[in-house]
């Protein structure tokens, strides 16, 4: 329920420990996929992602001061999602539940990470060490974003700061530029690189 992207739904079902078998069938003269769900059993128990205890998620959020690890936005525990630093589809579950293997992400950053990871060349190679040096695995210290040398700075303005953003936005429109381009120019000028 609530999925409008079948590949994501299929991935989530597989992550839950359910195997999906697909067969092509003809229905009313049209070729369609038919899916069959088959639970994966290992040593007599279901396999797949482990359910995280509520106390674990609360501890993770508290450790990060209820901030998203990527955008640094402040959120409630309910809004934040406990996310594997290394995608589950790359490295699976570690034997022991550890806060170091997870980080809190807001829904927007979690969706961005999912899209970026699923379109990363490493999604097929599945090299965990490559994920460890990516923004999506180590947002405080990274070498690349989905294997591309890139750096990001997430900024937000709140309260009275919004007026400063509005001035920056007006300047960008006057210069026929984006706010990011104007901000980069200001930073470059102040750091002596202009």
C-alpha atoms as a PDB file:
ATOM      1  CA  UNK A   1       0.000   0.000   0.000  1.00  0.00           C
ATOM      2  CA  UNK A   2       1.248   3.468  -0.826  1.00  0.00           C
ATOM      3  CA  UNK A   3       3.842   2.399  -3.406  1.00  0.00           C
ATOM      4  CA  UNK A   4       3.772   3.940  -6.848  1.00  0.00           C
ATOM      5  CA  UNK A   5       7.199   2.644  -7.917  1.00  0.00           C
ATOM      6  CA  UNK A   6       7.110  -1.150  -8.422  1.00  0.00           C
ATOM      7  CA  UNK A   7      10.913  -1.674  -8.376  1.00  0.00           C
ATOM      8  CA  UNK A   8      11.109  -0.013  -4.923  1.00  0.00           C
ATOM      9  CA  UNK A   9       8.205  -2.121  -3.661  1.00  0.00           C
ATOM     10  CA  UNK A  10       9.859  -5.300  -4.939  1.00  0.00           C
ATOM     11  CA  UNK A  11      13.178  -4.334  -3.299  1.00  0.00           C
ATOM     12  CA  UNK A  12      11.472  -3.672   0.036  1.00  0.00           C
ATOM     13  CA  UNK A  13       9.674  -7.010  -0.116  1.00  0.00           C
ATOM     14  CA  UNK A  14      12.961  -8.805  -0.853  1.00  0.00           C
ATOM     15  CA  UNK A  15      14.639  -6.945   2.021  1.00  0.00           C
ATOM     16  CA  UNK A  16      11.904  -8.244   4.327  1.00  0.00           C
ATOM     17  CA  UNK A  17      13.019 -11.798   3.543  1.00  0.00           C
ATOM     18  CA  UNK A  18      10.483 -12.706   0.889  1.00  0.00           C
ATOM     19  CA  UNK A  19      11.651 -14.064  -2.439  1.00  0.00           C
ATOM     20  CA  UNK A  20       9.755 -12.909  -5.499  1.00  0.00           C
ATOM     21  CA  UNK A  21       9.424 -15.128  -8.536  1.00  0.00           C
ATOM     22  CA  UNK A  22       8.289 -13.462 -11.723  1.00  0.00           C
ATOM     23  CA  UNK A  23       6.747 -15.166 -14.720  1.00  0.00           C
ATOM     24  CA  UNK A  24       5.502 -13.546 -17.889  1.00  0.00           C
ATOM     25  CA  UNK A  25       1.896 -14.461 -18.699  1.00  0.00           C
ATOM     26  CA  UNK A  26      -0.693 -13.382 -21.229  1.00  0.00           C
ATOM     27  CA  UNK A  27      -3.897 -11.827 -19.929  1.00  0.00           C
ATOM     28  CA  UNK A  28      -6.564 -10.781 -22.434  1.00  0.00           C
ATOM     29  CA  UNK A  29      -3.945 -10.876 -25.185  1.00  0.00           C
ATOM     30  CA  UNK A  30      -1.482  -8.641 -23.291  1.00  0.00           C
ATOM     31  CA  UNK A  31       1.849  -9.803 -21.928  1.00  0.00           C
ATOM     32  CA  UNK A  32       2.110  -9.064 -18.185  1.00  0.00           C
ATOM     33  CA  UNK A  33       4.319  -9.976 -15.247  1.00  0.00           C
ATOM     34  CA  UNK A  34       2.868 -12.290 -12.619  1.00  0.00           C
ATOM     35  CA  UNK A  35       4.586 -12.300  -9.233  1.00  0.00           C
ATOM     36  CA  UNK A  36       4.682 -15.085  -6.680  1.00  0.00           C
ATOM     37  CA  UNK A  37       5.865 -14.429  -3.121  1.00  0.00           C
ATOM     38  CA  UNK A  38       8.003 -17.187  -1.573  1.00  0.00           C
ATOM     39  CA  UNK A  39       9.349 -16.772   2.006  1.00  0.00           C
ATOM     40  CA  UNK A  40      13.123 -17.318   2.292  1.00  0.00           C
ATOM     41  CA  UNK A  41      13.908 -19.723   5.106  1.00  0.00           C
ATOM     42  CA  UNK A  42      17.368 -20.138   6.608  1.00  0.00           C
ATOM     43  CA  UNK A  43      17.998 -22.511   9.523  1.00  0.00           C
ATOM     44  CA  UNK A  44      14.264 -22.709  10.159  1.00  0.00           C
ATOM     45  CA  UNK A  45      13.705 -18.948  10.436  1.00  0.00           C
ATOM     46  CA  UNK A  46      12.809 -16.163   8.037  1.00  0.00           C
ATOM     47  CA  UNK A  47      15.714 -14.169   6.687  1.00  0.00           C
ATOM     48  CA  UNK A  48      15.760 -10.503   5.770  1.00  0.00           C
ATOM     49  CA  UNK A  49      16.118  -7.187   7.538  1.00  0.00           C
ATOM     50  CA  UNK A  50      15.860  -7.247  11.285  1.00  0.00           C
ATOM     51  CA  UNK A  51      13.262  -5.093  12.962  1.00  0.00           C
ATOM     52  CA  UNK A  52      14.974  -2.341  14.934  1.00  0.00           C
ATOM     53  CA  UNK A  53      13.867  -2.006  18.545  1.00  0.00           C
ATOM     54  CA  UNK A  54      12.211   1.298  19.451  1.00  0.00           C
ATOM     55  CA  UNK A  55      14.887   1.965  22.096  1.00  0.00           C
ATOM     56  CA  UNK A  56      17.607   1.500  19.454  1.00  0.00           C
ATOM     57  CA  UNK A  57      16.069   4.112  17.160  1.00  0.00           C
ATOM     58  CA  UNK A  58      15.528   6.501  20.062  1.00  0.00           C
ATOM     59  CA  UNK A  59      19.182   6.075  21.096  1.00  0.00           C
ATOM     60  CA  UNK A  60      20.359   6.678  17.530  1.00  0.00           C
ATOM     61  CA  UNK A  61      18.299   9.859  17.222  1.00  0.00           C
ATOM     62  CA  UNK A  62      19.510  11.109  20.608  1.00  0.00           C
ATOM     63  CA  UNK A  63      23.143  10.434  19.636  1.00  0.00           C
ATOM     64  CA  UNK A  64      22.634  12.704  16.598  1.00  0.00           C
ATOM     65  CA  UNK A  65      20.635  15.294  18.596  1.00  0.00           C
ATOM     66  CA  UNK A  66      17.570  14.502  16.462  1.00  0.00           C
ATOM     67  CA  UNK A  67      19.284  15.815  13.329  1.00  0.00           C
ATOM     68  CA  UNK A  68      19.420  14.232   9.893  1.00  0.00           C
ATOM     69  CA  UNK A  69      22.959  12.989   9.264  1.00  0.00           C
ATOM     70  CA  UNK A  70      22.980  14.447   5.736  1.00  0.00           C
ATOM     71  CA  UNK A  71      21.056  17.752   5.729  1.00  0.00           C
ATOM     72  CA  UNK A  72      21.454  18.437   9.477  1.00  0.00           C
ATOM     73  CA  UNK A  73      17.777  19.368   9.749  1.00  0.00           C
ATOM     74  CA  UNK A  74      16.168  18.908  13.164  1.00  0.00           C
ATOM     75  CA  UNK A  75      13.312  16.383  13.293  1.00  0.00           C
ATOM     76  CA  UNK A  76      11.298  14.364  15.774  1.00  0.00           C
ATOM     77  CA  UNK A  77      12.223  10.740  16.419  1.00  0.00           C
ATOM     78  CA  UNK A  78       9.075   9.694  14.570  1.00  0.00           C
ATOM     79  CA  UNK A  79      10.122  11.646  11.450  1.00  0.00           C
ATOM     80  CA  UNK A  80      13.689  10.330  11.322  1.00  0.00           C
ATOM     81  CA  UNK A  81      14.463   6.952   9.783  1.00  0.00           C
ATOM     82  CA  UNK A  82      17.211   4.678  11.109  1.00  0.00           C
ATOM     83  CA  UNK A  83      19.179   4.047   7.937  1.00  0.00           C
ATOM     84  CA  UNK A  84      21.962   1.542   7.267  1.00  0.00           C
ATOM     85  CA  UNK A  85      25.162   3.497   6.501  1.00  0.00           C
ATOM     86  CA  UNK A  86      26.059   0.793   3.987  1.00  0.00           C
ATOM     87  CA  UNK A  87      22.891  -0.132   2.082  1.00  0.00           C
ATOM     88  CA  UNK A  88      21.340  -3.386   3.233  1.00  0.00           C
ATOM     89  CA  UNK A  89      21.365  -4.596  -0.385  1.00  0.00           C
ATOM     90  CA  UNK A  90      25.183  -4.168  -0.433  1.00  0.00           C
ATOM     91  CA  UNK A  91      26.295  -5.653   2.887  1.00  0.00           C
ATOM     92  CA  UNK A  92      23.223  -7.198   4.518  1.00  0.00           C
ATOM     93  CA  UNK A  93      22.854  -7.198   8.303  1.00  0.00           C
ATOM     94  CA  UNK A  94      25.795  -7.282  10.687  1.00  0.00           C
ATOM     95  CA  UNK A  95      25.640 -10.020  13.326  1.00  0.00           C
ATOM     96  CA  UNK A  96      25.372  -7.491  16.178  1.00  0.00           C
ATOM     97  CA  UNK A  97      23.110  -4.444  16.250  1.00  0.00           C
ATOM     98  CA  UNK A  98      25.393  -1.393  16.505  1.00  0.00           C
ATOM     99  CA  UNK A  99      24.650   2.350  16.421  1.00  0.00           C
ATOM    100  CA  UNK A 100      27.785   2.858  14.296  1.00  0.00           C
ATOM    101  CA  UNK A 101      26.177   0.901  11.437  1.00  0.00           C
ATOM    102  CA  UNK A 102      23.207   3.304  11.250  1.00  0.00           C
ATOM    103  CA  UNK A 103      22.473   7.008  10.950  1.00  0.00           C
ATOM    104  CA  UNK A 104      19.245   8.990  11.182  1.00  0.00           C
ATOM    105  CA  UNK A 105      17.933  10.366   7.881  1.00  0.00           C
ATOM    106  CA  UNK A 106      14.967  12.598   7.227  1.00  0.00           C
ATOM    107  CA  UNK A 107      12.486  11.219   4.679  1.00  0.00           C
ATOM    108  CA  UNK A 108      13.780  13.527   1.925  1.00  0.00           C
ATOM    109  CA  UNK A 109      17.439  12.556   2.380  1.00  0.00           C
ATOM    110  CA  UNK A 110      16.498   8.876   2.691  1.00  0.00           C
ATOM    111  CA  UNK A 111      14.691   9.030  -0.678  1.00  0.00           C
ATOM    112  CA  UNK A 112      17.642  10.879  -2.224  1.00  0.00           C
ATOM    113  CA  UNK A 113      20.023   8.248  -0.866  1.00  0.00           C
ATOM    114  CA  UNK A 114      17.869   5.415  -2.215  1.00  0.00           C
ATOM    115  CA  UNK A 115      17.756   6.946  -5.701  1.00  0.00           C
ATOM    116  CA  UNK A 116      21.475   7.770  -5.696  1.00  0.00           C
ATOM    117  CA  UNK A 117      22.520   4.318  -4.439  1.00  0.00           C
ATOM    118  CA  UNK A 118      20.238   2.437  -6.817  1.00  0.00           C
ATOM    119  CA  UNK A 119      21.763   4.372  -9.731  1.00  0.00           C
ATOM    120  CA  UNK A 120      25.365   4.074  -8.514  1.00  0.00           C
ATOM    121  CA  UNK A 121      27.824   1.825 -10.412  1.00  0.00           C
ATOM    122  CA  UNK A 122      28.591   0.130  -7.085  1.00  0.00           C
ATOM    123  CA  UNK A 123      24.979  -1.110  -6.814  1.00  0.00           C
ATOM    124  CA  UNK A 124      25.998  -3.982  -9.082  1.00  0.00           C
ATOM    125  CA  UNK A 125      29.604  -4.393  -7.826  1.00  0.00           C
ATOM    126  CA  UNK A 126      28.492  -4.415  -4.171  1.00  0.00           C
ATOM    127  CA  UNK A 127      31.821  -3.292  -2.657  1.00  0.00           C
ATOM    128  CA  UNK A 128      31.069  -2.193   0.913  1.00  0.00           C
ATOM    129  CA  UNK A 129      34.319  -0.209   1.280  1.00  0.00           C
ATOM    130  CA  UNK A 130      33.263   1.981  -1.653  1.00  0.00           C
ATOM    131  CA  UNK A 131      30.038   2.812   0.205  1.00  0.00           C
ATOM    132  CA  UNK A 132      32.010   3.633   3.368  1.00  0.00           C
ATOM    133  CA  UNK A 133      33.721   6.559   1.587  1.00  0.00           C
ATOM    134  CA  UNK A 134      30.520   7.896  -0.014  1.00  0.00           C
ATOM    135  CA  UNK A 135      28.422  10.838   1.231  1.00  0.00           C
ATOM    136  CA  UNK A 136      25.552   8.414   1.775  1.00  0.00           C
ATOM    137  CA  UNK A 137      27.636   6.216   4.094  1.00  0.00           C
ATOM    138  CA  UNK A 138      29.801   8.826   5.844  1.00  0.00           C
ATOM    139  CA  UNK A 139      28.243  12.278   5.424  1.00  0.00           C
ATOM    140  CA  UNK A 140      30.719  13.967   7.789  1.00  0.00           C
ATOM    141  CA  UNK A 141      33.794  12.683   5.944  1.00  0.00           C
ATOM    142  CA  UNK A 142      33.438  11.402   2.389  1.00  0.00           C
ATOM    143  CA  UNK A 143      35.432  11.194  -0.849  1.00  0.00           C
ATOM    144  CA  UNK A 144      32.661  10.899  -3.426  1.00  0.00           C
ATOM    145  CA  UNK A 145      28.937  10.754  -4.059  1.00  0.00           C
ATOM    146  CA  UNK A 146      27.963   7.531  -5.819  1.00  0.00           C
ATOM    147  CA  UNK A 147      31.566   7.215  -7.122  1.00  0.00           C
ATOM    148  CA  UNK A 148      31.665  10.794  -8.538  1.00  0.00           C
ATOM    149  CA  UNK A 149      34.134  13.243  -6.914  1.00  0.00           C
ATOM    150  CA  UNK A 150      31.724  15.822  -5.527  1.00  0.00           C
ATOM    151  CA  UNK A 151      31.169  17.864  -2.356  1.00  0.00           C
ATOM    152  CA  UNK A 152      27.910  19.272  -1.017  1.00  0.00           C
ATOM    153  CA  UNK A 153      27.027  21.925   1.488  1.00  0.00           C
ATOM    154  CA  UNK A 154      23.518  21.880   2.858  1.00  0.00           C
ATOM    155  CA  UNK A 155      22.349  25.266   4.105  1.00  0.00           C
ATOM    156  CA  UNK A 156      19.045  26.368   5.535  1.00  0.00           C
ATOM    157  CA  UNK A 157      17.785  29.676   6.825  1.00  0.00           C
ATOM    158  CA  UNK A 158      15.209  29.902   9.593  1.00  0.00           C
ATOM    159  CA  UNK A 159      13.520  32.567  11.657  1.00  0.00           C
ATOM    160  CA  UNK A 160      14.987  36.005  11.043  1.00  0.00           C
ATOM    161  CA  UNK A 161      17.634  34.467   8.753  1.00  0.00           C
ATOM    162  CA  UNK A 162      14.927  34.011   6.109  1.00  0.00           C
ATOM    163  CA  UNK A 163      15.244  37.708   5.279  1.00  0.00           C
ATOM    164  CA  UNK A 164      18.926  37.151   4.398  1.00  0.00           C
ATOM    165  CA  UNK A 165      17.943  34.285   2.128  1.00  0.00           C
ATOM    166  CA  UNK A 166      15.328  36.469   0.432  1.00  0.00           C
ATOM    167  CA  UNK A 167      18.017  39.127  -0.236  1.00  0.00           C
ATOM    168  CA  UNK A 168      20.318  36.438  -1.630  1.00  0.00           C
ATOM    169  CA  UNK A 169      17.480  35.132  -3.818  1.00  0.00           C
ATOM    170  CA  UNK A 170      16.720  38.652  -5.144  1.00  0.00           C
ATOM    171  CA  UNK A 171      20.406  39.118  -5.982  1.00  0.00           C
ATOM    172  CA  UNK A 172      20.423  35.790  -7.814  1.00  0.00           C
ATOM    173  CA  UNK A 173      17.405  36.809  -9.909  1.00  0.00           C
ATOM    174  CA  UNK A 174      19.059  40.164 -10.722  1.00  0.00           C
ATOM    175  CA  UNK A 175      22.234  38.357 -11.821  1.00  0.00           C
ATOM    176  CA  UNK A 176      20.253  35.698 -13.735  1.00  0.00           C
ATOM    177  CA  UNK A 177      21.873  33.060 -11.561  1.00  0.00           C
ATOM    178  CA  UNK A 178      20.813  30.462  -9.032  1.00  0.00           C
ATOM    179  CA  UNK A 179      21.024  31.070  -5.296  1.00  0.00           C
ATOM    180  CA  UNK A 180      23.692  28.346  -5.132  1.00  0.00           C
ATOM    181  CA  UNK A 181      25.806  30.093  -7.787  1.00  0.00           C
ATOM    182  CA  UNK A 182      25.629  33.411  -5.924  1.00  0.00           C
ATOM    183  CA  UNK A 183      26.448  31.737  -2.602  1.00  0.00           C
ATOM    184  CA  UNK A 184      29.450  29.952  -4.160  1.00  0.00           C
ATOM    185  CA  UNK A 185      30.647  33.280  -5.579  1.00  0.00           C
ATOM    186  CA  UNK A 186      30.427  34.949  -2.160  1.00  0.00           C
ATOM    187  CA  UNK A 187      32.282  32.089  -0.488  1.00  0.00           C
ATOM    188  CA  UNK A 188      34.941  32.067  -3.213  1.00  0.00           C
ATOM    189  CA  UNK A 189      35.449  35.847  -2.931  1.00  0.00           C
ATOM    190  CA  UNK A 190      35.734  35.707   0.866  1.00  0.00           C
ATOM    191  CA  UNK A 191      38.181  32.817   0.788  1.00  0.00           C
ATOM    192  CA  UNK A 192      40.372  34.641  -1.747  1.00  0.00           C
ATOM    193  CA  UNK A 193      39.751  32.321  -4.675  1.00  0.00           C
ATOM    194  CA  UNK A 194      37.876  34.742  -6.917  1.00  0.00           C
END
